[in-house]
């Protein structure tokens, strides 16, 4: 988890990009892996963040660019700082 994410109120992440892990499979071996993708946060409801995936995966997974996602703020790996 991004240390900054613990200090940031989840509602302040609306409109920002965060990176998080998604379960995935290797395309050749089928081995369980993790795909790290960017998500544009669009809402905070019921203690969970909502957003859309903002890049296409390399591995095989159920999400692609534009897919809606819902997740716990503790799963944030990185907050994009806009630099």
PDB file of N, CA and C in Angstrom:
ATOM      1  N   UNK A   1       0.845  -1.195   0.000  1.00  0.00           N
ATOM      2  CA  UNK A   1       0.000   0.000   0.000  1.00  0.00           C
ATOM      3  C   UNK A   1       0.879   1.242   0.000  1.00  0.00           C
ATOM      4  N   UNK A   2       0.445   2.223  -0.741  1.00  0.00           N
ATOM      5  CA  UNK A   2       1.131   3.511  -0.782  1.00  0.00           C
ATOM      6  C   UNK A   2       1.011   4.156   0.600  1.00  0.00           C
ATOM      7  N   UNK A   3       2.128   4.501   1.246  1.00  0.00           N
ATOM      8  CA  UNK A   3       2.044   5.124   2.569  1.00  0.00           C
ATOM      9  C   UNK A   3       1.184   6.393   2.578  1.00  0.00           C
ATOM     10  N   UNK A   4       1.169   7.128   1.460  1.00  0.00           N
ATOM     11  CA  UNK A   4       0.349   8.335   1.368  1.00  0.00           C
ATOM     12  C   UNK A   4      -1.139   8.010   1.447  1.00  0.00           C
ATOM     13  N   UNK A   5      -1.533   6.816   0.967  1.00  0.00           N
ATOM     14  CA  UNK A   5      -2.951   6.457   0.926  1.00  0.00           C
ATOM     15  C   UNK A   5      -3.546   6.378   2.320  1.00  0.00           C
ATOM     16  N   UNK A   6      -2.750   6.015   3.311  1.00  0.00           N
ATOM     17  CA  UNK A   6      -3.251   5.934   4.689  1.00  0.00           C
ATOM     18  C   UNK A   6      -3.601   7.310   5.235  1.00  0.00           C
ATOM     19  N   UNK A   7      -2.935   8.333   4.725  1.00  0.00           N
ATOM     20  CA  UNK A   7      -3.119   9.694   5.218  1.00  0.00           C
ATOM     21  C   UNK A   7      -4.191  10.469   4.461  1.00  0.00           C
ATOM     22  N   UNK A   8      -4.588   9.964   3.313  1.00  0.00           N
ATOM     23  CA  UNK A   8      -5.502  10.685   2.428  1.00  0.00           C
ATOM     24  C   UNK A   8      -6.939  10.217   2.664  1.00  0.00           C
ATOM     25  N   UNK A   9      -7.856  11.147   2.937  1.00  0.00           N
ATOM     26  CA  UNK A   9      -9.265  10.744   3.048  1.00  0.00           C
ATOM     27  C   UNK A   9      -9.740  10.175   1.707  1.00  0.00           C
ATOM     28  N   UNK A  10     -10.396   9.007   1.725  1.00  0.00           N
ATOM     29  CA  UNK A  10     -10.804   8.378   0.460  1.00  0.00           C
ATOM     30  C   UNK A  10     -11.571   9.294  -0.484  1.00  0.00           C
ATOM     31  N   UNK A  11     -12.443  10.164   0.051  1.00  0.00           N
ATOM     32  CA  UNK A  11     -13.206  11.060  -0.832  1.00  0.00           C
ATOM     33  C   UNK A  11     -12.300  11.996  -1.622  1.00  0.00           C
ATOM     34  N   UNK A  12     -11.125  12.315  -1.095  1.00  0.00           N
ATOM     35  CA  UNK A  12     -10.219  13.221  -1.805  1.00  0.00           C
ATOM     36  C   UNK A  12      -9.557  12.544  -3.004  1.00  0.00           C
ATOM     37  N   UNK A  13      -9.737  11.231  -3.145  1.00  0.00           N
ATOM     38  CA  UNK A  13      -9.170  10.514  -4.285  1.00  0.00           C
ATOM     39  C   UNK A  13     -10.062  10.570  -5.522  1.00  0.00           C
ATOM     40  N   UNK A  14     -11.293  11.066  -5.373  1.00  0.00           N
ATOM     41  CA  UNK A  14     -12.191  11.167  -6.526  1.00  0.00           C
ATOM     42  C   UNK A  14     -11.557  12.090  -7.569  1.00  0.00           C
ATOM     43  N   UNK A  15     -11.463  11.580  -8.811  1.00  0.00           N
ATOM     44  CA  UNK A  15     -10.840  12.333  -9.898  1.00  0.00           C
ATOM     45  C   UNK A  15      -9.350  12.078 -10.033  1.00  0.00           C
ATOM     46  N   UNK A  16      -8.792  11.263  -9.161  1.00  0.00           N
ATOM     47  CA  UNK A  16      -7.354  10.951  -9.206  1.00  0.00           C
ATOM     48  C   UNK A  16      -7.144   9.522  -9.714  1.00  0.00           C
ATOM     49  N   UNK A  17      -5.919   9.261 -10.141  1.00  0.00           N
ATOM     50  CA  UNK A  17      -5.539   7.928 -10.596  1.00  0.00           C
ATOM     51  C   UNK A  17      -4.800   7.205  -9.484  1.00  0.00           C
ATOM     52  N   UNK A  18      -5.191   5.952  -9.279  1.00  0.00           N
ATOM     53  CA  UNK A  18      -4.482   5.113  -8.313  1.00  0.00           C
ATOM     54  C   UNK A  18      -4.085   3.820  -9.030  1.00  0.00           C
ATOM     55  N   UNK A  19      -3.097   3.132  -8.490  1.00  0.00           N
ATOM     56  CA  UNK A  19      -2.710   1.835  -9.037  1.00  0.00           C
ATOM     57  C   UNK A  19      -3.074   0.777  -8.022  1.00  0.00           C
ATOM     58  N   UNK A  20      -3.624  -0.331  -8.531  1.00  0.00           N
ATOM     59  CA  UNK A  20      -3.952  -1.455  -7.656  1.00  0.00           C
ATOM     60  C   UNK A  20      -3.762  -2.759  -8.407  1.00  0.00           C
ATOM     61  N   UNK A  21      -3.721  -3.851  -7.659  1.00  0.00           N
ATOM     62  CA  UNK A  21      -3.502  -5.182  -8.232  1.00  0.00           C
ATOM     63  C   UNK A  21      -4.831  -5.854  -8.561  1.00  0.00           C
ATOM     64  N   UNK A  22      -4.827  -6.606  -9.654  1.00  0.00           N
ATOM     65  CA  UNK A  22      -5.977  -7.391 -10.082  1.00  0.00           C
ATOM     66  C   UNK A  22      -5.528  -8.830 -10.294  1.00  0.00           C
ATOM     67  N   UNK A  23      -6.352  -9.816  -9.921  1.00  0.00           N
ATOM     68  CA  UNK A  23      -5.973 -11.203 -10.206  1.00  0.00           C
ATOM     69  C   UNK A  23      -5.940 -11.435 -11.713  1.00  0.00           C
ATOM     70  N   UNK A  24      -4.959 -12.208 -12.162  1.00  0.00           N
ATOM     71  CA  UNK A  24      -4.793 -12.458 -13.599  1.00  0.00           C
ATOM     72  C   UNK A  24      -4.142 -13.819 -13.806  1.00  0.00           C
ATOM     73  N   UNK A  25      -4.062 -14.222 -15.063  1.00  0.00           N
ATOM     74  CA  UNK A  25      -3.404 -15.478 -15.427  1.00  0.00           C
ATOM     75  C   UNK A  25      -2.383 -15.209 -16.528  1.00  0.00           C
ATOM     76  N   UNK A  26      -1.282 -15.936 -16.475  1.00  0.00           N
ATOM     77  CA  UNK A  26      -0.275 -15.841 -17.533  1.00  0.00           C
ATOM     78  C   UNK A  26      -0.895 -16.384 -18.816  1.00  0.00           C
ATOM     79  N   UNK A  27      -0.730 -15.684 -19.959  1.00  0.00           N
ATOM     80  CA  UNK A  27      -1.410 -16.107 -21.192  1.00  0.00           C
ATOM     81  C   UNK A  27      -0.921 -17.440 -21.756  1.00  0.00           C
ATOM     82  N   UNK A  28       0.303 -17.851 -21.460  1.00  0.00           N
ATOM     83  CA  UNK A  28       0.828 -19.110 -22.010  1.00  0.00           C
ATOM     84  C   UNK A  28       0.703 -20.272 -21.038  1.00  0.00           C
ATOM     85  N   UNK A  29       0.984 -20.022 -19.768  1.00  0.00           N
ATOM     86  CA  UNK A  29       1.011 -21.120 -18.795  1.00  0.00           C
ATOM     87  C   UNK A  29      -0.269 -21.252 -17.984  1.00  0.00           C
ATOM     88  N   UNK A  30      -1.082 -20.190 -17.921  1.00  0.00           N
ATOM     89  CA  UNK A  30      -2.279 -20.208 -17.105  1.00  0.00           C
ATOM     90  C   UNK A  30      -2.004 -20.036 -15.620  1.00  0.00           C
ATOM     91  N   UNK A  31      -0.748 -19.773 -15.283  1.00  0.00           N
ATOM     92  CA  UNK A  31      -0.351 -19.593 -13.883  1.00  0.00           C
ATOM     93  C   UNK A  31      -1.026 -18.357 -13.295  1.00  0.00           C
ATOM     94  N   UNK A  32      -1.489 -18.478 -12.037  1.00  0.00           N
ATOM     95  CA  UNK A  32      -2.079 -17.333 -11.346  1.00  0.00           C
ATOM     96  C   UNK A  32      -1.024 -16.256 -11.135  1.00  0.00           C
ATOM     97  N   UNK A  33      -1.379 -15.037 -11.472  1.00  0.00           N
ATOM     98  CA  UNK A  33      -0.458 -13.904 -11.348  1.00  0.00           C
ATOM     99  C   UNK A  33      -1.266 -12.685 -10.905  1.00  0.00           C
ATOM    100  N   UNK A  34      -0.604 -11.536 -10.894  1.00  0.00           N
ATOM    101  CA  UNK A  34      -1.247 -10.273 -10.531  1.00  0.00           C
ATOM    102  C   UNK A  34      -0.921  -9.241 -11.602  1.00  0.00           C
ATOM    103  N   UNK A  35      -1.936  -8.519 -12.032  1.00  0.00           N
ATOM    104  CA  UNK A  35      -1.762  -7.421 -13.000  1.00  0.00           C
ATOM    105  C   UNK A  35      -1.955  -6.110 -12.242  1.00  0.00           C
ATOM    106  N   UNK A  36      -1.012  -5.190 -12.376  1.00  0.00           N
ATOM    107  CA  UNK A  36      -1.094  -3.888 -11.713  1.00  0.00           C
ATOM    108  C   UNK A  36      -1.565  -2.866 -12.745  1.00  0.00           C
ATOM    109  N   UNK A  37      -2.730  -2.250 -12.471  1.00  0.00           N
ATOM    110  CA  UNK A  37      -3.294  -1.319 -13.444  1.00  0.00           C
ATOM    111  C   UNK A  37      -3.764  -0.037 -12.764  1.00  0.00           C
ATOM    112  N   UNK A  38      -3.843   1.005 -13.580  1.00  0.00           N
ATOM    113  CA  UNK A  38      -4.325   2.306 -13.104  1.00  0.00           C
ATOM    114  C   UNK A  38      -5.840   2.330 -13.118  1.00  0.00           C
ATOM    115  N   UNK A  39      -6.402   3.022 -12.127  1.00  0.00           N
ATOM    116  CA  UNK A  39      -7.850   3.194 -12.006  1.00  0.00           C
ATOM    117  C   UNK A  39      -8.128   4.674 -11.765  1.00  0.00           C
ATOM    118  N   UNK A  40      -9.078   5.224 -12.508  1.00  0.00           N
ATOM    119  CA  UNK A  40      -9.555   6.583 -12.257  1.00  0.00           C
ATOM    120  C   UNK A  40     -10.689   6.475 -11.247  1.00  0.00           C
ATOM    121  N   UNK A  41     -10.500   7.048 -10.065  1.00  0.00           N
ATOM    122  CA  UNK A  41     -11.501   6.983  -9.001  1.00  0.00           C
ATOM    123  C   UNK A  41     -12.633   7.953  -9.327  1.00  0.00           C
ATOM    124  N   UNK A  42     -13.868   7.444  -9.289  1.00  0.00           N
ATOM    125  CA  UNK A  42     -15.031   8.265  -9.652  1.00  0.00           C
ATOM    126  C   UNK A  42     -16.005   8.492  -8.497  1.00  0.00           C
ATOM    127  N   UNK A  43     -15.927   7.666  -7.446  1.00  0.00           N
ATOM    128  CA  UNK A  43     -16.874   7.819  -6.334  1.00  0.00           C
ATOM    129  C   UNK A  43     -16.357   7.094  -5.092  1.00  0.00           C
ATOM    130  N   UNK A  44     -16.928   7.463  -3.960  1.00  0.00           N
ATOM    131  CA  UNK A  44     -16.671   6.788  -2.692  1.00  0.00           C
ATOM    132  C   UNK A  44     -18.023   6.571  -2.026  1.00  0.00           C
ATOM    133  N   UNK A  45     -18.432   5.297  -1.926  1.00  0.00           N
ATOM    134  CA  UNK A  45     -19.748   4.961  -1.368  1.00  0.00           C
ATOM    135  C   UNK A  45     -19.619   3.753  -0.451  1.00  0.00           C
ATOM    136  N   UNK A  46     -20.236   3.842   0.703  1.00  0.00           N
ATOM    137  CA  UNK A  46     -20.275   2.694   1.604  1.00  0.00           C
ATOM    138  C   UNK A  46     -18.911   2.195   2.021  1.00  0.00           C
ATOM    139  N   UNK A  47     -17.943   3.094   2.132  1.00  0.00           N
ATOM    140  CA  UNK A  47     -16.598   2.707   2.541  1.00  0.00           C
ATOM    141  C   UNK A  47     -15.750   2.109   1.436  1.00  0.00           C
ATOM    142  N   UNK A  48     -16.262   2.132   0.199  1.00  0.00           N
ATOM    143  CA  UNK A  48     -15.515   1.559  -0.937  1.00  0.00           C
ATOM    144  C   UNK A  48     -15.352   2.599  -2.037  1.00  0.00           C
ATOM    145  N   UNK A  49     -14.217   2.511  -2.717  1.00  0.00           N
ATOM    146  CA  UNK A  49     -13.956   3.387  -3.859  1.00  0.00           C
ATOM    147  C   UNK A  49     -14.515   2.730  -5.119  1.00  0.00           C
ATOM    148  N   UNK A  50     -14.968   3.559  -6.044  1.00  0.00           N
ATOM    149  CA  UNK A  50     -15.479   3.102  -7.332  1.00  0.00           C
ATOM    150  C   UNK A  50     -14.696   3.843  -8.413  1.00  0.00           C
ATOM    151  N   UNK A  51     -14.485   3.192  -9.534  1.00  0.00           N
ATOM    152  CA  UNK A  51     -13.771   3.850 -10.618  1.00  0.00           C
ATOM    153  C   UNK A  51     -13.782   3.022 -11.883  1.00  0.00           C
ATOM    154  N   UNK A  52     -12.940   3.427 -12.833  1.00  0.00           N
ATOM    155  CA  UNK A  52     -12.805   2.705 -14.095  1.00  0.00           C
ATOM    156  C   UNK A  52     -11.332   2.431 -14.356  1.00  0.00           C
ATOM    157  N   UNK A  53     -11.066   1.225 -14.863  1.00  0.00           N
ATOM    158  CA  UNK A  53      -9.703   0.851 -15.229  1.00  0.00           C
ATOM    159  C   UNK A  53      -9.238   1.776 -16.343  1.00  0.00           C
ATOM    160  N   UNK A  54      -7.977   2.214 -16.262  1.00  0.00           N
ATOM    161  CA  UNK A  54      -7.478   3.206 -17.214  1.00  0.00           C
ATOM    162  C   UNK A  54      -6.330   2.700 -18.075  1.00  0.00           C
ATOM    163  N   UNK A  55      -6.149   1.406 -18.173  1.00  0.00           N
ATOM    164  CA  UNK A  55      -5.190   0.847 -19.128  1.00  0.00           C
ATOM    165  C   UNK A  55      -5.570  -0.598 -19.433  1.00  0.00           C
ATOM    166  N   UNK A  56      -5.037  -1.121 -20.529  1.00  0.00           N
ATOM    167  CA  UNK A  56      -5.307  -2.504 -20.907  1.00  0.00           C
ATOM    168  C   UNK A  56      -4.298  -3.421 -20.233  1.00  0.00           C
ATOM    169  N   UNK A  57      -4.757  -4.599 -19.801  1.00  0.00           N
ATOM    170  CA  UNK A  57      -3.840  -5.543 -19.161  1.00  0.00           C
ATOM    171  C   UNK A  57      -2.920  -6.226 -20.176  1.00  0.00           C
ATOM    172  N   UNK A  58      -1.800  -6.696 -19.673  1.00  0.00           N
ATOM    173  CA  UNK A  58      -0.887  -7.516 -20.473  1.00  0.00           C
ATOM    174  C   UNK A  58      -1.251  -8.983 -20.270  1.00  0.00           C
ATOM    175  N   UNK A  59      -1.583  -9.328 -19.026  1.00  0.00           N
ATOM    176  CA  UNK A  59      -1.969 -10.692 -18.678  1.00  0.00           C
ATOM    177  C   UNK A  59      -3.458 -10.892 -18.942  1.00  0.00           C
ATOM    178  N   UNK A  60      -3.923 -12.120 -18.773  1.00  0.00           N
ATOM    179  CA  UNK A  60      -5.332 -12.429 -18.954  1.00  0.00           C
ATOM    180  C   UNK A  60      -6.085 -12.131 -17.661  1.00  0.00           C
ATOM    181  N   UNK A  61      -7.032 -11.218 -17.721  1.00  0.00           N
ATOM    182  CA  UNK A  61      -7.850 -10.919 -16.551  1.00  0.00           C
ATOM    183  C   UNK A  61      -9.221 -10.437 -17.007  1.00  0.00           C
ATOM    184  N   UNK A  62     -10.117 -10.277 -16.043  1.00  0.00           N
ATOM    185  CA  UNK A  62     -11.500  -9.917 -16.356  1.00  0.00           C
ATOM    186  C   UNK A  62     -11.712  -8.428 -16.577  1.00  0.00           C
ATOM    187  N   UNK A  63     -10.666  -7.633 -16.443  1.00  0.00           N
ATOM    188  CA  UNK A  63     -10.789  -6.184 -16.561  1.00  0.00           C
ATOM    189  C   UNK A  63      -9.984  -5.684 -17.738  1.00  0.00           C
ATOM    190  N   UNK A  64     -10.457  -4.595 -18.348  1.00  0.00           N
ATOM    191  CA  UNK A  64      -9.747  -3.937 -19.441  1.00  0.00           C
ATOM    192  C   UNK A  64     -10.008  -2.441 -19.339  1.00  0.00           C
ATOM    193  N   UNK A  65      -9.410  -1.685 -20.216  1.00  0.00           N
ATOM    194  CA  UNK A  65      -9.600  -0.242 -20.206  1.00  0.00           C
ATOM    195  C   UNK A  65     -11.091   0.093 -20.231  1.00  0.00           C
ATOM    196  N   UNK A  66     -11.539   0.882 -19.258  1.00  0.00           N
ATOM    197  CA  UNK A  66     -12.935   1.290 -19.177  1.00  0.00           C
ATOM    198  C   UNK A  66     -13.807   0.425 -18.289  1.00  0.00           C
ATOM    199  N   UNK A  67     -13.292  -0.722 -17.818  1.00  0.00           N
ATOM    200  CA  UNK A  67     -14.090  -1.595 -16.949  1.00  0.00           C
ATOM    201  C   UNK A  67     -14.382  -0.915 -15.612  1.00  0.00           C
ATOM    202  N   UNK A  68     -15.617  -1.010 -15.121  1.00  0.00           N
ATOM    203  CA  UNK A  68     -15.921  -0.461 -13.795  1.00  0.00           C
ATOM    204  C   UNK A  68     -15.353  -1.374 -12.709  1.00  0.00           C
ATOM    205  N   UNK A  69     -14.866  -0.772 -11.634  1.00  0.00           N
ATOM    206  CA  UNK A  69     -14.342  -1.537 -10.502  1.00  0.00           C
ATOM    207  C   UNK A  69     -14.798  -0.902  -9.193  1.00  0.00           C
ATOM    208  N   UNK A  70     -14.869  -1.730  -8.167  1.00  0.00           N
ATOM    209  CA  UNK A  70     -15.190  -1.293  -6.815  1.00  0.00           C
ATOM    210  C   UNK A  70     -14.172  -1.958  -5.907  1.00  0.00           C
ATOM    211  N   UNK A  71     -13.585  -1.198  -4.963  1.00  0.00           N
ATOM    212  CA  UNK A  71     -12.511  -1.772  -4.154  1.00  0.00           C
ATOM    213  C   UNK A  71     -12.343  -1.030  -2.839  1.00  0.00           C
ATOM    214  N   UNK A  72     -11.659  -1.690  -1.929  1.00  0.00           N
ATOM    215  CA  UNK A  72     -11.356  -1.134  -0.623  1.00  0.00           C
ATOM    216  C   UNK A  72     -10.169  -0.176  -0.738  1.00  0.00           C
ATOM    217  N   UNK A  73     -10.211   0.959  -0.068  1.00  0.00           N
ATOM    218  CA  UNK A  73      -9.082   1.896  -0.133  1.00  0.00           C
ATOM    219  C   UNK A  73      -7.746   1.281   0.296  1.00  0.00           C
ATOM    220  N   UNK A  74      -7.779   0.241   1.129  1.00  0.00           N
ATOM    221  CA  UNK A  74      -6.529  -0.382   1.584  1.00  0.00           C
ATOM    222  C   UNK A  74      -5.794  -1.125   0.463  1.00  0.00           C
ATOM    223  N   UNK A  75      -6.445  -1.335  -0.689  1.00  0.00           N
ATOM    224  CA  UNK A  75      -5.798  -2.043  -1.797  1.00  0.00           C
ATOM    225  C   UNK A  75      -4.993  -1.118  -2.711  1.00  0.00           C
ATOM    226  N   UNK A  76      -4.946   0.182  -2.401  1.00  0.00           N
ATOM    227  CA  UNK A  76      -4.215   1.131  -3.231  1.00  0.00           C
ATOM    228  C   UNK A  76      -2.717   0.890  -3.102  1.00  0.00           C
ATOM    229  N   UNK A  77      -2.055   0.708  -4.228  1.00  0.00           N
ATOM    230  CA  UNK A  77      -0.611   0.522  -4.242  1.00  0.00           C
ATOM    231  C   UNK A  77       0.136   1.841  -4.454  1.00  0.00           C
ATOM    232  N   UNK A  78      -0.484   2.738  -5.214  1.00  0.00           N
ATOM    233  CA  UNK A  78       0.185   3.992  -5.560  1.00  0.00           C
ATOM    234  C   UNK A  78      -0.874   5.030  -5.931  1.00  0.00           C
ATOM    235  N   UNK A  79      -0.627   6.261  -5.531  1.00  0.00           N
ATOM    236  CA  UNK A  79      -1.478   7.371  -5.932  1.00  0.00           C
ATOM    237  C   UNK A  79      -0.675   8.213  -6.923  1.00  0.00           C
ATOM    238  N   UNK A  80      -1.234   8.423  -8.113  1.00  0.00           N
ATOM    239  CA  UNK A  80      -0.530   9.224  -9.112  1.00  0.00           C
ATOM    240  C   UNK A  80      -0.507  10.675  -8.660  1.00  0.00           C
ATOM    241  N   UNK A  81       0.687  11.230  -8.622  1.00  0.00           N
ATOM    242  CA  UNK A  81       0.853  12.600  -8.127  1.00  0.00           C
ATOM    243  C   UNK A  81       0.693  13.675  -9.177  1.00  0.00           C
ATOM    244  N   UNK A  82       0.554  13.303 -10.455  1.00  0.00           N
ATOM    245  CA  UNK A  82       0.354  14.286 -11.494  1.00  0.00           C
ATOM    246  C   UNK A  82       1.627  14.917 -12.013  1.00  0.00           C
ATOM    247  N   UNK A  83       2.755  14.407 -11.576  1.00  0.00           N
ATOM    248  CA  UNK A  83       4.027  14.983 -12.058  1.00  0.00           C
ATOM    249  C   UNK A  83       4.360  14.440 -13.423  1.00  0.00           C
TER     250      UNK A  83
END
